[in-house]
Amino acid sequence: MKNTAHTKEQTKATSHDSASTDSELYKLGTKVTAAFAVAVGIWGLICLASVLISDGNPVALVKNLFSAIFGN
């Protein structure tokens, strides 16, 4: 029979370790939010470009916008 000893080590998280983890999570959250903001911005530009292509020019785009808002 083998003699094996099990030891337990107690580790304590210091406030510095906790703050470092929080800081890393904030950095990750900021990067994820920025990535979504960039994706939405690109999507908006693509939508605007497709409307400009289908209407033909910016004047028609503005005219159609006011027509949609005021129902003329």
PDB file of N, CA and C in Angstrom:
ATOM      1  N   MET A   1       0.832  -1.159   0.000  1.00  0.00           N
ATOM      2  CA  MET A   1       0.000   0.000   0.000  1.00  0.00           C
ATOM      3  C   MET A   1       0.890   1.240   0.000  1.00  0.00           C
ATOM      4  N   LYS A   2       0.472   2.229  -0.786  1.00  0.00           N
ATOM      5  CA  LYS A   2       1.245   3.457  -0.905  1.00  0.00           C
ATOM      6  C   LYS A   2       0.806   4.444   0.156  1.00  0.00           C
ATOM      7  N   ASN A   3       1.769   5.145   0.671  1.00  0.00           N
ATOM      8  CA  ASN A   3       1.454   6.238   1.585  1.00  0.00           C
ATOM      9  C   ASN A   3       1.428   7.534   0.780  1.00  0.00           C
ATOM     10  N   THR A   4       0.288   8.127   0.732  1.00  0.00           N
ATOM     11  CA  THR A   4       0.184   9.420   0.054  1.00  0.00           C
ATOM     12  C   THR A   4      -0.377  10.424   1.022  1.00  0.00           C
ATOM     13  N   ALA A   5       0.169  11.590   0.957  1.00  0.00           N
ATOM     14  CA  ALA A   5      -0.286  12.650   1.848  1.00  0.00           C
ATOM     15  C   ALA A   5      -0.987  13.715   1.019  1.00  0.00           C
ATOM     16  N   HIS A   6      -2.119  14.098   1.475  1.00  0.00           N
ATOM     17  CA  HIS A   6      -2.863  15.173   0.814  1.00  0.00           C
ATOM     18  C   HIS A   6      -2.695  16.432   1.645  1.00  0.00           C
ATOM     19  N   THR A   7      -2.231  17.449   0.986  1.00  0.00           N
ATOM     20  CA  THR A   7      -2.065  18.712   1.699  1.00  0.00           C
ATOM     21  C   THR A   7      -2.989  19.741   1.077  1.00  0.00           C
ATOM     22  N   LYS A   8      -3.479  20.594   1.905  1.00  0.00           N
ATOM     23  CA  LYS A   8      -4.326  21.676   1.434  1.00  0.00           C
ATOM     24  C   LYS A   8      -3.577  22.979   1.617  1.00  0.00           C
ATOM     25  N   GLU A   9      -3.557  23.743   0.539  1.00  0.00           N
ATOM     26  CA  GLU A   9      -2.931  25.053   0.617  1.00  0.00           C
ATOM     27  C   GLU A   9      -4.018  26.106   0.597  1.00  0.00           C
ATOM     28  N   GLN A  10      -3.908  27.012   1.497  1.00  0.00           N
ATOM     29  CA  GLN A  10      -4.860  28.106   1.510  1.00  0.00           C
ATOM     30  C   GLN A  10      -4.275  29.260   0.714  1.00  0.00           C
ATOM     31  N   THR A  11      -5.064  29.743  -0.187  1.00  0.00           N
ATOM     32  CA  THR A  11      -4.636  30.906  -0.950  1.00  0.00           C
ATOM     33  C   THR A  11      -5.592  32.042  -0.647  1.00  0.00           C
ATOM     34  N   LYS A  12      -5.041  33.193  -0.543  1.00  0.00           N
ATOM     35  CA  LYS A  12      -5.841  34.368  -0.259  1.00  0.00           C
ATOM     36  C   LYS A  12      -5.729  35.322  -1.445  1.00  0.00           C
ATOM     37  N   ALA A  13      -6.869  35.788  -1.897  1.00  0.00           N
ATOM     38  CA  ALA A  13      -6.879  36.785  -2.960  1.00  0.00           C
ATOM     39  C   ALA A  13      -6.741  38.158  -2.330  1.00  0.00           C
ATOM     40  N   THR A  14      -5.776  38.868  -2.774  1.00  0.00           N
ATOM     41  CA  THR A  14      -5.592  40.212  -2.245  1.00  0.00           C
ATOM     42  C   THR A  14      -6.454  41.187  -3.037  1.00  0.00           C
ATOM     43  N   SER A  15      -6.623  42.358  -2.511  1.00  0.00           N
ATOM     44  CA  SER A  15      -7.422  43.368  -3.211  1.00  0.00           C
ATOM     45  C   SER A  15      -6.735  43.771  -4.511  1.00  0.00           C
ATOM     46  N   HIS A  16      -5.426  43.682  -4.558  1.00  0.00           N
ATOM     47  CA  HIS A  16      -4.701  44.007  -5.784  1.00  0.00           C
ATOM     48  C   HIS A  16      -5.041  43.002  -6.882  1.00  0.00           C
ATOM     49  N   ASP A  17      -5.095  41.716  -6.549  1.00  0.00           N
ATOM     50  CA  ASP A  17      -5.448  40.697  -7.532  1.00  0.00           C
ATOM     51  C   ASP A  17      -6.866  40.903  -8.034  1.00  0.00           C
ATOM     52  N   SER A  18      -7.772  41.217  -7.153  1.00  0.00           N
ATOM     53  CA  SER A  18      -9.163  41.440  -7.519  1.00  0.00           C
ATOM     54  C   SER A  18      -9.289  42.656  -8.425  1.00  0.00           C
ATOM     55  N   ALA A  19      -8.593  43.712  -8.113  1.00  0.00           N
ATOM     56  CA  ALA A  19      -8.639  44.928  -8.922  1.00  0.00           C
ATOM     57  C   ALA A  19      -8.045  44.679 -10.290  1.00  0.00           C
ATOM     58  N   SER A  20      -7.004  43.877 -10.353  1.00  0.00           N
ATOM     59  CA  SER A  20      -6.386  43.557 -11.626  1.00  0.00           C
ATOM     60  C   SER A  20      -7.345  42.760 -12.506  1.00  0.00           C
ATOM     61  N   THR A  21      -8.068  41.821 -11.897  1.00  0.00           N
ATOM     62  CA  THR A  21      -9.040  41.033 -12.651  1.00  0.00           C
ATOM     63  C   THR A  21     -10.172  41.919 -13.145  1.00  0.00           C
ATOM     64  N   ASP A  22     -10.665  42.804 -12.294  1.00  0.00           N
ATOM     65  CA  ASP A  22     -11.723  43.722 -12.703  1.00  0.00           C
ATOM     66  C   ASP A  22     -11.263  44.611 -13.845  1.00  0.00           C
ATOM     67  N   SER A  23     -10.033  45.076 -13.758  1.00  0.00           N
ATOM     68  CA  SER A  23      -9.487  45.935 -14.802  1.00  0.00           C
ATOM     69  C   SER A  23      -9.428  45.195 -16.132  1.00  0.00           C
ATOM     70  N   GLU A  24      -9.017  43.946 -16.106  1.00  0.00           N
ATOM     71  CA  GLU A  24      -8.947  43.160 -17.336  1.00  0.00           C
ATOM     72  C   GLU A  24     -10.342  42.920 -17.918  1.00  0.00           C
ATOM     73  N   LEU A  25     -11.318  42.698 -17.049  1.00  0.00           N
ATOM     74  CA  LEU A  25     -12.687  42.498 -17.527  1.00  0.00           C
ATOM     75  C   LEU A  25     -13.247  43.778 -18.145  1.00  0.00           C
ATOM     76  N   TYR A  26     -12.924  44.930 -17.550  1.00  0.00           N
ATOM     77  CA  TYR A  26     -13.366  46.198 -18.124  1.00  0.00           C
ATOM     78  C   TYR A  26     -12.731  46.422 -19.490  1.00  0.00           C
ATOM     79  N   LYS A  27     -11.469  46.069 -19.616  1.00  0.00           N
ATOM     80  CA  LYS A  27     -10.792  46.218 -20.907  1.00  0.00           C
ATOM     81  C   LYS A  27     -11.446  45.332 -21.959  1.00  0.00           C
ATOM     82  N   LEU A  28     -11.763  44.103 -21.587  1.00  0.00           N
ATOM     83  CA  LEU A  28     -12.424  43.188 -22.520  1.00  0.00           C
ATOM     84  C   LEU A  28     -13.801  43.712 -22.895  1.00  0.00           C
ATOM     85  N   GLY A  29     -14.553  44.192 -21.917  1.00  0.00           N
ATOM     86  CA  GLY A  29     -15.874  44.737 -22.194  1.00  0.00           C
ATOM     87  C   GLY A  29     -15.818  45.943 -23.112  1.00  0.00           C
ATOM     88  N   THR A  30     -14.820  46.785 -22.916  1.00  0.00           N
ATOM     89  CA  THR A  30     -14.647  47.948 -23.782  1.00  0.00           C
ATOM     90  C   THR A  30     -14.333  47.536 -25.204  1.00  0.00           C
ATOM     91  N   LYS A  31     -13.486  46.536 -25.370  1.00  0.00           N
ATOM     92  CA  LYS A  31     -13.135  46.073 -26.714  1.00  0.00           C
ATOM     93  C   LYS A  31     -14.324  45.432 -27.409  1.00  0.00           C
ATOM     94  N   VAL A  32     -15.115  44.664 -26.686  1.00  0.00           N
ATOM     95  CA  VAL A  32     -16.294  44.033 -27.272  1.00  0.00           C
ATOM     96  C   VAL A  32     -17.311  45.099 -27.679  1.00  0.00           C
ATOM     97  N   THR A  33     -17.524  46.087 -26.821  1.00  0.00           N
ATOM     98  CA  THR A  33     -18.454  47.175 -27.131  1.00  0.00           C
ATOM     99  C   THR A  33     -17.982  47.965 -28.343  1.00  0.00           C
ATOM    100  N   ALA A  34     -16.700  48.244 -28.411  1.00  0.00           N
ATOM    101  CA  ALA A  34     -16.153  48.977 -29.553  1.00  0.00           C
ATOM    102  C   ALA A  34     -16.312  48.171 -30.843  1.00  0.00           C
ATOM    103  N   ALA A  35     -16.121  46.867 -30.777  1.00  0.00           N
ATOM    104  CA  ALA A  35     -16.277  46.027 -31.963  1.00  0.00           C
ATOM    105  C   ALA A  35     -17.721  46.064 -32.462  1.00  0.00           C
ATOM    106  N   PHE A  36     -18.686  45.995 -31.536  1.00  0.00           N
ATOM    107  CA  PHE A  36     -20.089  46.077 -31.938  1.00  0.00           C
ATOM    108  C   PHE A  36     -20.412  47.455 -32.512  1.00  0.00           C
ATOM    109  N   ALA A  37     -19.867  48.508 -31.949  1.00  0.00           N
ATOM    110  CA  ALA A  37     -20.106  49.854 -32.452  1.00  0.00           C
ATOM    111  C   ALA A  37     -19.561  50.012 -33.864  1.00  0.00           C
ATOM    112  N   VAL A  38     -18.392  49.467 -34.110  1.00  0.00           N
ATOM    113  CA  VAL A  38     -17.813  49.524 -35.457  1.00  0.00           C
ATOM    114  C   VAL A  38     -18.679  48.731 -36.439  1.00  0.00           C
ATOM    115  N   ALA A  39     -19.147  47.558 -36.019  1.00  0.00           N
ATOM    116  CA  ALA A  39     -19.993  46.737 -36.896  1.00  0.00           C
ATOM    117  C   ALA A  39     -21.298  47.461 -37.234  1.00  0.00           C
ATOM    118  N   VAL A  40     -21.909  48.107 -36.258  1.00  0.00           N
ATOM    119  CA  VAL A  40     -23.151  48.848 -36.509  1.00  0.00           C
ATOM    120  C   VAL A  40     -22.883  50.044 -37.426  1.00  0.00           C
ATOM    121  N   GLY A  41     -21.770  50.717 -37.230  1.00  0.00           N
ATOM    122  CA  GLY A  41     -21.416  51.840 -38.091  1.00  0.00           C
ATOM    123  C   GLY A  41     -21.200  51.413 -39.535  1.00  0.00           C
ATOM    124  N   ILE A  42     -20.513  50.307 -39.731  1.00  0.00           N
ATOM    125  CA  ILE A  42     -20.289  49.797 -41.094  1.00  0.00           C
ATOM    126  C   ILE A  42     -21.617  49.397 -41.723  1.00  0.00           C
ATOM    127  N   TRP A  43     -22.470  48.751 -40.946  1.00  0.00           N
ATOM    128  CA  TRP A  43     -23.786  48.353 -41.442  1.00  0.00           C
ATOM    129  C   TRP A  43     -24.601  49.587 -41.850  1.00  0.00           C
ATOM    130  N   GLY A  44     -24.546  50.634 -41.051  1.00  0.00           N
ATOM    131  CA  GLY A  44     -25.250  51.873 -41.378  1.00  0.00           C
ATOM    132  C   GLY A  44     -24.734  52.500 -42.670  1.00  0.00           C
ATOM    133  N   LEU A  45     -23.431  52.508 -42.851  1.00  0.00           N
ATOM    134  CA  LEU A  45     -22.861  53.058 -44.089  1.00  0.00           C
ATOM    135  C   LEU A  45     -23.264  52.234 -45.306  1.00  0.00           C
ATOM    136  N   ILE A  46     -23.310  50.924 -45.148  1.00  0.00           N
ATOM    137  CA  ILE A  46     -23.734  50.062 -46.254  1.00  0.00           C
ATOM    138  C   ILE A  46     -25.193  50.335 -46.606  1.00  0.00           C
ATOM    139  N   CYS A  47     -26.034  50.490 -45.586  1.00  0.00           N
ATOM    140  CA  CYS A  47     -27.451  50.799 -45.826  1.00  0.00           C
ATOM    141  C   CYS A  47     -27.610  52.150 -46.523  1.00  0.00           C
ATOM    142  N   LEU A  48     -26.876  53.150 -46.068  1.00  0.00           N
ATOM    143  CA  LEU A  48     -26.944  54.470 -46.686  1.00  0.00           C
ATOM    144  C   LEU A  48     -26.458  54.421 -48.131  1.00  0.00           C
ATOM    145  N   ALA A  49     -25.402  53.693 -48.390  1.00  0.00           N
ATOM    146  CA  ALA A  49     -24.885  53.570 -49.752  1.00  0.00           C
ATOM    147  C   ALA A  49     -25.903  52.861 -50.655  1.00  0.00           C
ATOM    148  N   SER A  50     -26.573  51.843 -50.136  1.00  0.00           N
ATOM    149  CA  SER A  50     -27.555  51.133 -50.964  1.00  0.00           C
ATOM    150  C   SER A  50     -28.742  52.031 -51.292  1.00  0.00           C
ATOM    151  N   VAL A  51     -29.150  52.902 -50.348  1.00  0.00           N
ATOM    152  CA  VAL A  51     -30.244  53.835 -50.625  1.00  0.00           C
ATOM    153  C   VAL A  51     -29.810  54.866 -51.656  1.00  0.00           C
ATOM    154  N   LEU A  52     -28.599  55.359 -51.540  1.00  0.00           N
ATOM    155  CA  LEU A  52     -28.106  56.328 -52.519  1.00  0.00           C
ATOM    156  C   LEU A  52     -28.023  55.710 -53.911  1.00  0.00           C
ATOM    157  N   ILE A  53     -27.653  54.449 -53.974  1.00  0.00           N
ATOM    158  CA  ILE A  53     -27.576  53.768 -55.276  1.00  0.00           C
ATOM    159  C   ILE A  53     -28.968  53.580 -55.860  1.00  0.00           C
ATOM    160  N   SER A  54     -29.936  53.192 -55.018  1.00  0.00           N
ATOM    161  CA  SER A  54     -31.284  52.936 -55.535  1.00  0.00           C
ATOM    162  C   SER A  54     -32.027  54.229 -55.892  1.00  0.00           C
ATOM    163  N   ASP A  55     -31.793  55.338 -55.152  1.00  0.00           N
ATOM    164  CA  ASP A  55     -32.462  56.606 -55.441  1.00  0.00           C
ATOM    165  C   ASP A  55     -31.768  57.382 -56.546  1.00  0.00           C
ATOM    166  N   GLY A  56     -30.515  57.195 -56.706  1.00  0.00           N
ATOM    167  CA  GLY A  56     -29.797  57.868 -57.778  1.00  0.00           C
ATOM    168  C   GLY A  56     -28.960  59.043 -57.322  1.00  0.00           C
ATOM    169  N   ASN A  57     -29.465  59.864 -56.396  1.00  0.00           N
ATOM    170  CA  ASN A  57     -28.668  61.004 -55.942  1.00  0.00           C
ATOM    171  C   ASN A  57     -29.109  61.419 -54.544  1.00  0.00           C
ATOM    172  N   PRO A  58     -28.305  62.232 -53.864  1.00  0.00           N
ATOM    173  CA  PRO A  58     -28.636  62.633 -52.496  1.00  0.00           C
ATOM    174  C   PRO A  58     -29.891  63.505 -52.399  1.00  0.00           C
ATOM    175  N   VAL A  59     -30.181  64.286 -53.427  1.00  0.00           N
ATOM    176  CA  VAL A  59     -31.359  65.147 -53.397  1.00  0.00           C
ATOM    177  C   VAL A  59     -32.623  64.290 -53.360  1.00  0.00           C
ATOM    178  N   ALA A  60     -32.653  63.240 -54.159  1.00  0.00           N
ATOM    179  CA  ALA A  60     -33.803  62.338 -54.154  1.00  0.00           C
ATOM    180  C   ALA A  60     -33.926  61.622 -52.811  1.00  0.00           C
ATOM    181  N   LEU A  61     -32.798  61.330 -52.200  1.00  0.00           N
ATOM    182  CA  LEU A  61     -32.818  60.687 -50.884  1.00  0.00           C
ATOM    183  C   LEU A  61     -33.479  61.590 -49.848  1.00  0.00           C
ATOM    184  N   VAL A  62     -33.094  62.858 -49.819  1.00  0.00           N
ATOM    185  CA  VAL A  62     -33.674  63.805 -48.868  1.00  0.00           C
ATOM    186  C   VAL A  62     -35.151  64.026 -49.177  1.00  0.00           C
ATOM    187  N   LYS A  63     -35.493  64.136 -50.459  1.00  0.00           N
ATOM    188  CA  LYS A  63     -36.893  64.316 -50.866  1.00  0.00           C
ATOM    189  C   LYS A  63     -37.740  63.132 -50.407  1.00  0.00           C
ATOM    190  N   ASN A  64     -37.246  61.917 -50.608  1.00  0.00           N
ATOM    191  CA  ASN A  64     -37.973  60.721 -50.172  1.00  0.00           C
ATOM    192  C   ASN A  64     -38.057  60.626 -48.654  1.00  0.00           C
ATOM    193  N   LEU A  65     -37.034  61.104 -47.952  1.00  0.00           N
ATOM    194  CA  LEU A  65     -37.053  61.110 -46.495  1.00  0.00           C
ATOM    195  C   LEU A  65     -38.180  61.998 -45.980  1.00  0.00           C
ATOM    196  N   PHE A  66     -38.255  63.235 -46.496  1.00  0.00           N
ATOM    197  CA  PHE A  66     -39.321  64.139 -46.067  1.00  0.00           C
ATOM    198  C   PHE A  66     -40.688  63.634 -46.500  1.00  0.00           C
ATOM    199  N   SER A  67     -40.748  62.991 -47.647  1.00  0.00           N
ATOM    200  CA  SER A  67     -42.009  62.415 -48.107  1.00  0.00           C
ATOM    201  C   SER A  67     -42.468  61.298 -47.158  1.00  0.00           C
ATOM    202  N   ALA A  68     -41.547  60.518 -46.681  1.00  0.00           N
ATOM    203  CA  ALA A  68     -41.888  59.441 -45.746  1.00  0.00           C
ATOM    204  C   ALA A  68     -42.303  59.984 -44.383  1.00  0.00           C
ATOM    205  N   ILE A  69     -41.647  61.058 -43.939  1.00  0.00           N
ATOM    206  CA  ILE A  69     -41.955  61.623 -42.624  1.00  0.00           C
ATOM    207  C   ILE A  69     -43.307  62.347 -42.639  1.00  0.00           C
ATOM    208  N   PHE A  70     -43.526  63.196 -43.650  1.00  0.00           N
ATOM    209  CA  PHE A  70     -44.716  64.048 -43.669  1.00  0.00           C
ATOM    210  C   PHE A  70     -45.865  63.454 -44.479  1.00  0.00           C
ATOM    211  N   GLY A  71     -45.628  62.347 -45.184  1.00  0.00           N
ATOM    212  CA  GLY A  71     -46.692  61.661 -45.911  1.00  0.00           C
ATOM    213  C   GLY A  71     -47.138  62.342 -47.184  1.00  0.00           C
ATOM    214  N   ASN A  72     -46.279  63.074 -47.825  1.00  0.00           N
ATOM    215  CA  ASN A  72     -46.633  63.741 -49.088  1.00  0.00           C
ATOM    216  C   ASN A  72     -46.437  62.816 -50.255  1.00  0.00           C
TER     217      ASN A  72
END
